[in-house]
Amino acid sequence: MDIKRVPVSIYAEMTPNPKVMKFVSNKLLLQTDSAEFRNIEEAKPSPLATKLFHFPFVKEVFISGNYIAIAKFDVIEWDDVAQEVRIFITEFLQEGGVAVNEEQLVPKEEIQESNGPVLSGEDKTEVEQRIVDILEEYIKPAVAQDGGNIAFIAYKDKVVEVQLQGACSGCPSSTMTLKSGILSILQKMLPTLVDEVVAING
């Protein structure tokens, strides 16, 4: 009996960051939260990202759920290469290529330790846990729509530190997102507890 494969379809979508294009798949690419690769060395757990780095204009690859957000260098415009990348990803997945070997991903805790301490679930205060819940429920879905991700890093002296990933990292409008979107939601839901939101990477 011939098992019919579900055809893979990929469509490209612009993000608020002109350097980042989002490629959305009709199949789930990653079970865990997300994976970010800033160079071919970091991309070892991801056969797809490794291949994408062979394109000379690819700067960073971010994979989450059913999409891949690719940041490019300024040497070329997306109009010239988006179609080529879309076809490449479609064919790679159609042939059974693996987007990410999840068991090879370095746990986020270990990555954080090299950048400074990270709080595990048990170590969070009640306020920190509420901030994380608000980010997960209200902010992550909106940010994911734009091809990005946001991770809680720390809360101290009424300042919330977050890490921006994917299309949000280095995006010209990310400052606006932080100030108007995230800050206002946190202040609305946690009045008097949050004065500022800071991105530690852009």
N, C-alpha and C. Protein backbone atom coordinates (compact mmCIF):
# COMPACT_ATOMS: atom_id res chain seq x y z
N MET A 1 0.84 -1.20 0.00
CA MET A 1 0.00 0.00 0.00
C MET A 1 0.88 1.25 0.00
N ASP A 2 0.56 2.13 -0.87
CA ASP A 2 1.35 3.37 -0.99
C ASP A 2 0.81 4.41 -0.02
N ILE A 3 1.67 4.81 0.91
CA ILE A 3 1.23 5.84 1.87
C ILE A 3 1.41 7.20 1.20
N LYS A 4 0.32 7.91 1.08
CA LYS A 4 0.40 9.22 0.42
C LYS A 4 0.96 10.25 1.39
N ARG A 5 1.97 10.94 0.96
CA ARG A 5 2.52 12.02 1.79
C ARG A 5 1.68 13.28 1.63
N VAL A 6 1.50 13.95 2.73
CA VAL A 6 0.79 15.22 2.65
C VAL A 6 1.74 16.21 1.97
N PRO A 7 1.31 16.84 0.89
CA PRO A 7 2.21 17.78 0.22
C PRO A 7 2.58 18.92 1.17
N VAL A 8 3.83 19.29 1.11
CA VAL A 8 4.29 20.41 1.94
C VAL A 8 4.01 21.70 1.19
N SER A 9 3.39 22.65 1.86
CA SER A 9 3.26 23.96 1.22
C SER A 9 3.88 25.01 2.12
N ILE A 10 4.60 25.91 1.50
CA ILE A 10 5.28 26.98 2.22
C ILE A 10 4.86 28.30 1.58
N TYR A 11 4.51 29.26 2.41
CA TYR A 11 4.31 30.59 1.82
C TYR A 11 5.19 31.60 2.57
N ALA A 12 5.61 32.62 1.83
CA ALA A 12 6.49 33.65 2.41
C ALA A 12 5.66 34.83 2.85
N GLU A 13 6.08 35.43 3.97
CA GLU A 13 5.32 36.54 4.54
C GLU A 13 6.31 37.59 5.03
N MET A 14 6.08 38.83 4.68
CA MET A 14 6.94 39.89 5.20
C MET A 14 6.69 40.05 6.69
N THR A 15 7.70 40.56 7.40
CA THR A 15 7.54 40.85 8.83
C THR A 15 7.78 42.36 9.01
N PRO A 16 7.51 42.89 10.21
CA PRO A 16 7.79 44.32 10.41
C PRO A 16 9.28 44.65 10.28
N ASN A 17 10.11 43.63 10.36
CA ASN A 17 11.55 43.83 10.20
C ASN A 17 11.90 43.59 8.73
N PRO A 18 12.31 44.63 7.98
CA PRO A 18 12.56 44.47 6.54
C PRO A 18 13.66 43.46 6.22
N LYS A 19 14.52 43.17 7.20
CA LYS A 19 15.60 42.20 6.95
C LYS A 19 15.15 40.76 7.13
N VAL A 20 13.97 40.57 7.71
CA VAL A 20 13.52 39.22 8.04
C VAL A 20 12.28 38.84 7.24
N MET A 21 12.34 37.67 6.62
CA MET A 21 11.18 37.11 5.92
C MET A 21 10.75 35.86 6.68
N LYS A 22 9.44 35.68 6.78
CA LYS A 22 8.89 34.53 7.50
C LYS A 22 8.37 33.52 6.47
N PHE A 23 8.78 32.28 6.61
CA PHE A 23 8.33 31.22 5.70
C PHE A 23 7.47 30.25 6.52
N VAL A 24 6.17 30.20 6.19
CA VAL A 24 5.22 29.44 6.99
C VAL A 24 4.90 28.12 6.31
N SER A 25 4.94 27.04 7.10
CA SER A 25 4.71 25.69 6.58
C SER A 25 3.34 25.18 7.02
N ASN A 26 2.79 24.24 6.25
CA ASN A 26 1.53 23.61 6.66
C ASN A 26 1.80 22.42 7.59
N LYS A 27 3.09 22.22 7.92
CA LYS A 27 3.45 21.15 8.86
C LYS A 27 4.20 21.75 10.04
N LEU A 28 4.06 21.11 11.20
CA LEU A 28 4.79 21.55 12.38
C LEU A 28 6.27 21.21 12.20
N LEU A 29 7.14 22.16 12.46
CA LEU A 29 8.58 21.96 12.26
C LEU A 29 9.31 21.70 13.57
N LEU A 30 8.71 22.14 14.66
CA LEU A 30 9.40 22.09 15.95
C LEU A 30 8.38 21.94 17.06
N GLN A 31 8.59 20.94 17.93
CA GLN A 31 7.65 20.73 19.04
C GLN A 31 7.94 21.70 20.18
N THR A 32 9.24 21.91 20.46
CA THR A 32 9.59 22.79 21.58
C THR A 32 9.33 24.24 21.19
N ASP A 33 9.59 25.14 22.11
CA ASP A 33 9.24 26.55 21.94
C ASP A 33 9.84 27.15 20.66
N SER A 34 11.16 27.15 20.55
CA SER A 34 11.80 27.74 19.38
C SER A 34 13.29 27.41 19.38
N ALA A 35 13.90 27.62 18.24
CA ALA A 35 15.35 27.42 18.13
C ALA A 35 15.91 28.55 17.28
N GLU A 36 16.98 29.18 17.76
CA GLU A 36 17.58 30.30 17.05
C GLU A 36 19.02 29.95 16.72
N PHE A 37 19.41 30.16 15.46
CA PHE A 37 20.77 29.86 15.02
C PHE A 37 21.38 31.11 14.40
N ARG A 38 22.48 31.57 14.98
CA ARG A 38 23.08 32.81 14.48
C ARG A 38 24.21 32.56 13.48
N ASN A 39 24.64 31.30 13.34
CA ASN A 39 25.68 30.96 12.36
C ASN A 39 25.63 29.47 12.08
N ILE A 40 26.41 29.03 11.12
CA ILE A 40 26.35 27.62 10.70
C ILE A 40 26.84 26.69 11.81
N GLU A 41 27.72 27.20 12.65
CA GLU A 41 28.24 26.41 13.77
C GLU A 41 27.11 26.07 14.74
N GLU A 42 26.31 27.08 15.08
CA GLU A 42 25.17 26.88 16.00
C GLU A 42 24.08 26.01 15.38
N ALA A 43 24.07 25.93 14.05
CA ALA A 43 22.97 25.28 13.35
C ALA A 43 23.10 23.76 13.27
N LYS A 44 24.14 23.20 13.90
CA LYS A 44 24.35 21.74 13.79
C LYS A 44 23.12 20.89 14.10
N PRO A 45 22.32 21.23 15.13
CA PRO A 45 21.14 20.40 15.40
C PRO A 45 20.05 20.51 14.33
N SER A 46 20.20 21.48 13.41
CA SER A 46 19.15 21.70 12.41
C SER A 46 19.68 21.50 10.99
N PRO A 47 19.37 20.34 10.39
CA PRO A 47 19.79 20.12 8.99
C PRO A 47 19.25 21.21 8.05
N LEU A 48 18.04 21.69 8.33
CA LEU A 48 17.45 22.72 7.48
C LEU A 48 18.20 24.04 7.62
N ALA A 49 18.46 24.47 8.86
CA ALA A 49 19.18 25.73 9.06
C ALA A 49 20.60 25.64 8.48
N THR A 50 21.25 24.49 8.66
CA THR A 50 22.61 24.31 8.12
C THR A 50 22.61 24.55 6.62
N LYS A 51 21.62 23.96 5.93
CA LYS A 51 21.53 24.14 4.48
C LYS A 51 21.22 25.60 4.12
N LEU A 52 20.35 26.23 4.91
CA LEU A 52 19.99 27.63 4.62
C LEU A 52 21.21 28.54 4.73
N PHE A 53 22.13 28.22 5.65
CA PHE A 53 23.33 29.05 5.81
C PHE A 53 24.25 28.94 4.59
N HIS A 54 23.98 27.98 3.70
CA HIS A 54 24.78 27.90 2.47
C HIS A 54 24.39 29.00 1.48
N PHE A 55 23.22 29.59 1.70
CA PHE A 55 22.87 30.78 0.90
C PHE A 55 23.72 31.93 1.45
N PRO A 56 24.49 32.61 0.60
CA PRO A 56 25.42 33.62 1.11
C PRO A 56 24.76 34.80 1.81
N PHE A 57 23.48 35.04 1.54
CA PHE A 57 22.82 36.21 2.13
C PHE A 57 22.15 35.90 3.47
N VAL A 58 22.13 34.62 3.90
CA VAL A 58 21.44 34.27 5.14
C VAL A 58 22.31 34.62 6.35
N LYS A 59 21.74 35.43 7.24
CA LYS A 59 22.47 35.89 8.42
C LYS A 59 22.09 35.09 9.67
N GLU A 60 20.78 34.90 9.88
CA GLU A 60 20.31 34.15 11.05
C GLU A 60 19.06 33.36 10.67
N VAL A 61 18.85 32.24 11.38
CA VAL A 61 17.68 31.41 11.14
C VAL A 61 16.98 31.16 12.48
N PHE A 62 15.67 31.40 12.49
CA PHE A 62 14.88 31.19 13.71
C PHE A 62 13.72 30.28 13.34
N ILE A 63 13.59 29.15 14.07
CA ILE A 63 12.53 28.19 13.76
C ILE A 63 11.63 28.07 14.98
N SER A 64 10.33 28.16 14.74
CA SER A 64 9.37 28.05 15.85
C SER A 64 8.06 27.50 15.30
N GLY A 65 7.53 26.48 15.94
CA GLY A 65 6.23 25.95 15.53
C GLY A 65 6.22 25.55 14.06
N ASN A 66 5.44 26.29 13.27
CA ASN A 66 5.31 25.93 11.85
C ASN A 66 5.94 26.96 10.92
N TYR A 67 6.89 27.76 11.44
CA TYR A 67 7.49 28.74 10.53
C TYR A 67 8.99 28.88 10.76
N ILE A 68 9.65 29.43 9.74
CA ILE A 68 11.08 29.74 9.80
C ILE A 68 11.20 31.22 9.50
N ALA A 69 11.85 31.96 10.37
CA ALA A 69 12.12 33.38 10.11
C ALA A 69 13.59 33.49 9.76
N ILE A 70 13.87 34.05 8.59
CA ILE A 70 15.25 34.15 8.12
C ILE A 70 15.66 35.61 8.04
N ALA A 71 16.76 35.93 8.70
CA ALA A 71 17.32 37.29 8.62
C ALA A 71 18.40 37.28 7.56
N LYS A 72 18.42 38.32 6.73
CA LYS A 72 19.40 38.37 5.65
C LYS A 72 20.38 39.53 5.85
N PHE A 73 21.52 39.41 5.18
CA PHE A 73 22.45 40.54 5.12
C PHE A 73 21.89 41.55 4.11
N ASP A 74 22.41 42.78 4.15
CA ASP A 74 21.89 43.83 3.28
C ASP A 74 22.33 43.73 1.82
N VAL A 75 23.06 42.68 1.48
CA VAL A 75 23.63 42.60 0.12
C VAL A 75 22.58 42.38 -0.96
N ILE A 76 21.38 41.99 -0.56
CA ILE A 76 20.38 41.60 -1.55
C ILE A 76 18.98 41.94 -1.02
N GLU A 77 18.01 42.08 -1.92
CA GLU A 77 16.63 42.36 -1.49
C GLU A 77 15.83 41.06 -1.45
N TRP A 78 14.87 40.99 -0.54
CA TRP A 78 14.04 39.78 -0.45
C TRP A 78 13.30 39.50 -1.76
N ASP A 79 12.91 40.57 -2.46
CA ASP A 79 12.20 40.38 -3.74
C ASP A 79 12.98 39.49 -4.69
N ASP A 80 14.30 39.55 -4.59
CA ASP A 80 15.15 38.80 -5.54
C ASP A 80 15.34 37.34 -5.13
N VAL A 81 15.16 37.03 -3.84
CA VAL A 81 15.53 35.67 -3.39
C VAL A 81 14.43 34.92 -2.65
N ALA A 82 13.34 35.59 -2.27
CA ALA A 82 12.31 34.93 -1.45
C ALA A 82 11.76 33.68 -2.14
N GLN A 83 11.50 33.78 -3.43
CA GLN A 83 10.93 32.65 -4.17
C GLN A 83 11.89 31.45 -4.17
N GLU A 84 13.16 31.73 -4.37
CA GLU A 84 14.18 30.67 -4.39
C GLU A 84 14.25 29.97 -3.02
N VAL A 85 14.22 30.75 -1.95
CA VAL A 85 14.27 30.18 -0.60
C VAL A 85 13.01 29.37 -0.32
N ARG A 86 11.87 29.89 -0.73
CA ARG A 86 10.59 29.20 -0.51
C ARG A 86 10.60 27.83 -1.19
N ILE A 87 11.06 27.80 -2.43
CA ILE A 87 11.11 26.53 -3.18
C ILE A 87 12.10 25.57 -2.52
N PHE A 88 13.25 26.11 -2.08
CA PHE A 88 14.26 25.27 -1.44
C PHE A 88 13.69 24.61 -0.17
N ILE A 89 13.02 25.41 0.69
CA ILE A 89 12.46 24.86 1.95
C ILE A 89 11.39 23.82 1.62
N THR A 90 10.53 24.13 0.65
CA THR A 90 9.46 23.20 0.27
C THR A 90 10.05 21.86 -0.15
N GLU A 91 11.04 21.91 -1.04
CA GLU A 91 11.64 20.66 -1.54
C GLU A 91 12.36 19.90 -0.43
N PHE A 92 13.05 20.62 0.43
CA PHE A 92 13.78 20.00 1.54
C PHE A 92 12.80 19.20 2.43
N LEU A 93 11.68 19.82 2.78
CA LEU A 93 10.70 19.16 3.66
C LEU A 93 9.94 18.07 2.92
N GLN A 94 9.66 18.33 1.64
CA GLN A 94 8.93 17.36 0.83
C GLN A 94 9.70 16.04 0.73
N GLU A 95 11.02 16.16 0.68
CA GLU A 95 11.86 14.95 0.56
C GLU A 95 12.11 14.29 1.92
N GLY A 96 11.41 14.77 2.95
CA GLY A 96 11.54 14.14 4.26
C GLY A 96 12.67 14.71 5.11
N GLY A 97 13.22 15.85 4.70
CA GLY A 97 14.29 16.48 5.47
C GLY A 97 13.80 16.90 6.85
N VAL A 98 14.71 16.83 7.82
CA VAL A 98 14.36 17.18 9.20
C VAL A 98 14.69 18.65 9.44
N ALA A 99 13.71 19.38 9.98
CA ALA A 99 13.96 20.81 10.27
C ALA A 99 14.93 20.94 11.44
N VAL A 100 14.63 20.23 12.54
CA VAL A 100 15.47 20.32 13.74
C VAL A 100 15.50 18.96 14.44
N ASN A 101 16.69 18.48 14.77
CA ASN A 101 16.82 17.31 15.65
C ASN A 101 16.72 17.83 17.08
N GLU A 102 15.52 17.78 17.63
CA GLU A 102 15.28 18.48 18.90
C GLU A 102 16.11 17.95 20.06
N GLU A 103 16.45 16.64 19.99
CA GLU A 103 17.23 16.08 21.10
C GLU A 103 18.65 16.65 21.13
N GLN A 104 19.07 17.28 20.02
CA GLN A 104 20.43 17.86 19.98
C GLN A 104 20.46 19.33 20.41
N LEU A 105 19.29 19.91 20.60
CA LEU A 105 19.25 21.32 21.00
C LEU A 105 19.79 21.48 22.42
N VAL A 106 20.56 22.53 22.63
CA VAL A 106 21.06 22.81 23.98
C VAL A 106 19.90 23.39 24.78
N PRO A 107 19.61 22.82 25.95
CA PRO A 107 18.51 23.38 26.75
C PRO A 107 18.73 24.87 27.01
N LYS A 108 17.63 25.62 27.00
CA LYS A 108 17.73 27.08 27.17
C LYS A 108 18.48 27.45 28.45
N GLU A 109 18.31 26.64 29.51
CA GLU A 109 18.98 26.94 30.78
C GLU A 109 20.49 27.03 30.58
N GLU A 110 21.02 26.07 29.78
CA GLU A 110 22.48 26.06 29.59
C GLU A 110 22.94 27.26 28.79
N ILE A 111 22.15 27.63 27.79
CA ILE A 111 22.51 28.81 26.99
C ILE A 111 22.51 30.02 27.91
N GLN A 112 21.48 30.13 28.74
CA GLN A 112 21.37 31.28 29.63
C GLN A 112 22.54 31.35 30.59
N GLU A 113 22.96 30.18 31.11
CA GLU A 113 24.04 30.20 32.10
C GLU A 113 25.29 30.84 31.54
N SER A 114 25.52 30.64 30.24
CA SER A 114 26.71 31.28 29.66
C SER A 114 26.49 32.79 29.55
N ASN A 115 25.25 33.23 29.50
CA ASN A 115 24.96 34.67 29.42
C ASN A 115 24.61 35.27 30.79
N GLY A 116 24.61 34.45 31.80
CA GLY A 116 24.19 34.93 33.13
C GLY A 116 23.13 33.98 33.66
N PRO A 117 22.79 34.09 34.92
CA PRO A 117 21.87 33.12 35.52
C PRO A 117 20.46 33.22 34.95
N VAL A 118 19.80 32.09 34.92
CA VAL A 118 18.40 32.09 34.48
C VAL A 118 17.57 31.51 35.63
N LEU A 119 16.35 31.96 35.73
CA LEU A 119 15.51 31.49 36.83
C LEU A 119 14.74 30.26 36.39
N SER A 120 14.83 29.21 37.16
CA SER A 120 14.00 28.05 36.84
C SER A 120 12.62 28.32 37.43
N GLY A 121 11.64 27.53 37.02
CA GLY A 121 10.25 27.75 37.44
C GLY A 121 10.10 27.91 38.94
N GLU A 122 10.84 27.09 39.73
CA GLU A 122 10.66 27.11 41.18
C GLU A 122 11.24 28.41 41.79
N ASP A 123 12.24 28.99 41.11
CA ASP A 123 12.92 30.15 41.71
C ASP A 123 12.18 31.46 41.47
N LYS A 124 11.16 31.45 40.64
CA LYS A 124 10.51 32.71 40.31
C LYS A 124 9.62 33.18 41.46
N THR A 125 9.61 34.49 41.64
CA THR A 125 8.68 35.06 42.62
C THR A 125 7.29 35.08 41.99
N GLU A 126 6.31 35.43 42.79
CA GLU A 126 4.93 35.47 42.28
C GLU A 126 4.80 36.49 41.15
N VAL A 127 5.45 37.65 41.32
CA VAL A 127 5.37 38.69 40.28
C VAL A 127 6.03 38.20 39.00
N GLU A 128 7.20 37.58 39.12
CA GLU A 128 7.90 37.07 37.93
C GLU A 128 7.05 36.04 37.20
N GLN A 129 6.42 35.16 37.95
CA GLN A 129 5.58 34.15 37.33
C GLN A 129 4.41 34.78 36.61
N ARG A 130 3.85 35.83 37.20
CA ARG A 130 2.73 36.52 36.54
C ARG A 130 3.20 37.20 35.25
N ILE A 131 4.40 37.78 35.28
CA ILE A 131 4.95 38.42 34.07
C ILE A 131 5.11 37.37 32.98
N VAL A 132 5.68 36.21 33.35
CA VAL A 132 5.87 35.13 32.38
C VAL A 132 4.52 34.70 31.80
N ASP A 133 3.52 34.55 32.65
CA ASP A 133 2.19 34.13 32.18
C ASP A 133 1.60 35.15 31.20
N ILE A 134 1.77 36.43 31.52
CA ILE A 134 1.23 37.49 30.63
C ILE A 134 1.96 37.46 29.28
N LEU A 135 3.29 37.31 29.33
CA LEU A 135 4.06 37.24 28.08
C LEU A 135 3.58 36.06 27.23
N GLU A 136 3.42 34.90 27.89
CA GLU A 136 3.01 33.68 27.17
C GLU A 136 1.63 33.84 26.54
N GLU A 137 0.71 34.39 27.31
CA GLU A 137 -0.68 34.41 26.86
C GLU A 137 -0.99 35.54 25.91
N TYR A 138 -0.46 36.73 26.19
CA TYR A 138 -0.89 37.91 25.42
C TYR A 138 0.14 38.39 24.40
N ILE A 139 1.42 38.19 24.69
CA ILE A 139 2.42 38.83 23.85
C ILE A 139 3.04 37.85 22.84
N LYS A 140 3.35 36.64 23.30
CA LYS A 140 3.99 35.68 22.39
C LYS A 140 3.18 35.42 21.12
N PRO A 141 1.85 35.20 21.23
CA PRO A 141 1.10 34.92 19.99
C PRO A 141 1.20 36.06 18.98
N ALA A 142 1.16 37.30 19.48
CA ALA A 142 1.24 38.46 18.57
C ALA A 142 2.63 38.56 17.95
N VAL A 143 3.65 38.32 18.77
CA VAL A 143 5.03 38.41 18.28
C VAL A 143 5.29 37.28 17.28
N ALA A 144 4.72 36.10 17.55
CA ALA A 144 4.91 34.96 16.64
C ALA A 144 4.31 35.25 15.27
N GLN A 145 3.21 36.00 15.26
CA GLN A 145 2.59 36.38 13.98
C GLN A 145 3.58 37.14 13.10
N ASP A 146 4.46 37.88 13.75
CA ASP A 146 5.45 38.67 13.01
C ASP A 146 6.76 37.91 12.81
N GLY A 147 6.77 36.62 13.14
CA GLY A 147 7.98 35.83 12.91
C GLY A 147 9.01 35.94 14.01
N GLY A 148 8.57 36.31 15.21
CA GLY A 148 9.53 36.46 16.30
C GLY A 148 9.13 35.71 17.55
N ASN A 149 9.91 35.92 18.59
CA ASN A 149 9.64 35.29 19.87
C ASN A 149 10.16 36.21 20.96
N ILE A 150 9.64 36.03 22.16
CA ILE A 150 10.10 36.84 23.29
C ILE A 150 10.28 35.91 24.49
N ALA A 151 11.37 36.08 25.20
CA ALA A 151 11.64 35.23 26.36
C ALA A 151 11.90 36.12 27.58
N PHE A 152 11.32 35.75 28.70
CA PHE A 152 11.53 36.48 29.95
C PHE A 152 12.92 36.17 30.48
N ILE A 153 13.66 37.20 30.87
CA ILE A 153 15.00 37.00 31.43
C ILE A 153 15.03 37.32 32.92
N ALA A 154 14.58 38.52 33.29
CA ALA A 154 14.67 38.91 34.69
C ALA A 154 13.71 40.04 35.02
N TYR A 155 13.47 40.21 36.32
CA TYR A 155 12.64 41.31 36.81
C TYR A 155 13.32 41.86 38.06
N LYS A 156 13.64 43.15 38.01
CA LYS A 156 14.35 43.74 39.14
C LYS A 156 14.04 45.24 39.19
N ASP A 157 13.75 45.75 40.35
CA ASP A 157 13.48 47.18 40.53
C ASP A 157 12.44 47.70 39.52
N LYS A 158 11.40 46.94 39.33
CA LYS A 158 10.28 47.31 38.42
C LYS A 158 10.68 47.34 36.94
N VAL A 159 11.84 46.76 36.61
CA VAL A 159 12.28 46.67 35.21
C VAL A 159 12.22 45.21 34.77
N VAL A 160 11.53 44.98 33.66
CA VAL A 160 11.43 43.63 33.11
C VAL A 160 12.45 43.50 31.98
N GLU A 161 13.31 42.48 32.06
CA GLU A 161 14.27 42.23 30.97
C GLU A 161 13.77 41.06 30.14
N VAL A 162 13.77 41.27 28.82
CA VAL A 162 13.34 40.21 27.91
C VAL A 162 14.38 40.02 26.81
N GLN A 163 14.31 38.87 26.17
CA GLN A 163 15.17 38.62 25.02
C GLN A 163 14.27 38.53 23.79
N LEU A 164 14.62 39.27 22.75
CA LEU A 164 13.86 39.22 21.50
C LEU A 164 14.57 38.29 20.53
N GLN A 165 13.79 37.43 19.87
CA GLN A 165 14.38 36.47 18.94
C GLN A 165 13.67 36.53 17.59
N GLY A 166 14.28 35.88 16.61
CA GLY A 166 13.66 35.83 15.28
C GLY A 166 13.55 37.22 14.68
N ALA A 167 12.42 37.50 14.06
CA ALA A 167 12.24 38.77 13.35
C ALA A 167 12.29 39.96 14.30
N CYS A 168 12.01 39.73 15.59
CA CYS A 168 11.98 40.87 16.54
C CYS A 168 13.38 41.36 16.86
N SER A 169 14.36 40.47 16.75
CA SER A 169 15.72 40.86 17.12
C SER A 169 16.27 41.84 16.09
N GLY A 170 16.62 43.03 16.54
CA GLY A 170 17.17 44.03 15.62
C GLY A 170 16.16 44.68 14.71
N CYS A 171 14.89 44.45 14.97
CA CYS A 171 13.85 45.05 14.12
C CYS A 171 13.70 46.53 14.45
N PRO A 172 13.62 47.38 13.42
CA PRO A 172 13.46 48.81 13.67
C PRO A 172 12.25 49.13 14.54
N SER A 173 11.18 48.34 14.40
CA SER A 173 9.98 48.66 15.18
C SER A 173 9.94 47.92 16.52
N SER A 174 11.00 47.17 16.85
CA SER A 174 10.94 46.41 18.11
C SER A 174 10.92 47.34 19.32
N THR A 175 11.55 48.50 19.21
CA THR A 175 11.53 49.45 20.33
C THR A 175 10.09 49.90 20.58
N MET A 176 9.37 50.14 19.49
CA MET A 176 7.96 50.52 19.60
C MET A 176 7.17 49.38 20.24
N THR A 177 7.44 48.16 19.77
CA THR A 177 6.75 46.98 20.31
C THR A 177 6.95 46.90 21.81
N LEU A 178 8.21 47.09 22.21
CA LEU A 178 8.53 47.02 23.65
C LEU A 178 7.79 48.09 24.42
N LYS A 179 7.96 49.32 23.95
CA LYS A 179 7.44 50.45 24.73
C LYS A 179 5.91 50.49 24.70
N SER A 180 5.34 50.44 23.50
CA SER A 180 3.90 50.66 23.45
C SER A 180 3.12 49.37 23.72
N GLY A 181 3.59 48.27 23.13
CA GLY A 181 2.82 47.03 23.28
C GLY A 181 3.04 46.34 24.61
N ILE A 182 4.24 45.83 24.80
CA ILE A 182 4.52 44.99 25.96
C ILE A 182 4.40 45.78 27.26
N LEU A 183 5.02 46.94 27.28
CA LEU A 183 5.01 47.74 28.51
C LEU A 183 3.57 48.09 28.91
N SER A 184 2.78 48.51 27.93
CA SER A 184 1.42 48.94 28.30
C SER A 184 0.58 47.76 28.79
N ILE A 185 0.77 46.58 28.20
CA ILE A 185 0.01 45.41 28.66
C ILE A 185 0.43 45.05 30.09
N LEU A 186 1.74 45.02 30.33
CA LEU A 186 2.22 44.68 31.68
C LEU A 186 1.76 45.70 32.71
N GLN A 187 1.79 46.97 32.33
CA GLN A 187 1.37 48.01 33.28
C GLN A 187 -0.13 47.94 33.56
N LYS A 188 -0.88 47.56 32.52
CA LYS A 188 -2.33 47.44 32.70
C LYS A 188 -2.65 46.27 33.64
N MET A 189 -1.92 45.18 33.47
CA MET A 189 -2.24 43.96 34.23
C MET A 189 -1.51 43.89 35.57
N LEU A 190 -0.41 44.61 35.66
CA LEU A 190 0.34 44.63 36.93
C LEU A 190 0.59 46.09 37.33
N PRO A 191 -0.46 46.83 37.62
CA PRO A 191 -0.27 48.25 37.93
C PRO A 191 0.70 48.42 39.09
N THR A 192 1.51 49.45 39.00
CA THR A 192 2.52 49.84 40.01
C THR A 192 3.72 48.89 40.09
N LEU A 193 3.72 47.78 39.33
CA LEU A 193 4.82 46.82 39.48
C LEU A 193 5.86 46.91 38.35
N VAL A 194 5.47 47.53 37.23
CA VAL A 194 6.39 47.58 36.08
C VAL A 194 6.57 49.01 35.59
N ASP A 195 7.82 49.48 35.57
CA ASP A 195 8.11 50.82 35.06
C ASP A 195 8.69 50.79 33.66
N GLU A 196 9.38 49.70 33.34
CA GLU A 196 10.11 49.67 32.07
C GLU A 196 10.31 48.24 31.58
N VAL A 197 10.39 48.09 30.26
CA VAL A 197 10.75 46.80 29.66
C VAL A 197 12.00 47.03 28.83
N VAL A 198 13.00 46.18 29.04
CA VAL A 198 14.27 46.33 28.34
C VAL A 198 14.60 45.05 27.59
N ALA A 199 14.99 45.21 26.32
CA ALA A 199 15.46 44.03 25.56
C ALA A 199 16.96 43.94 25.73
N ILE A 200 17.43 42.76 26.14
CA ILE A 200 18.87 42.68 26.41
C ILE A 200 19.68 42.39 25.14
N ASN A 201 18.99 42.25 24.00
CA ASN A 201 19.76 41.94 22.79
C ASN A 201 19.27 42.72 21.58
N GLY A 202 18.88 43.97 21.77
CA GLY A 202 18.53 44.69 20.54
C GLY A 202 17.30 45.50 20.66
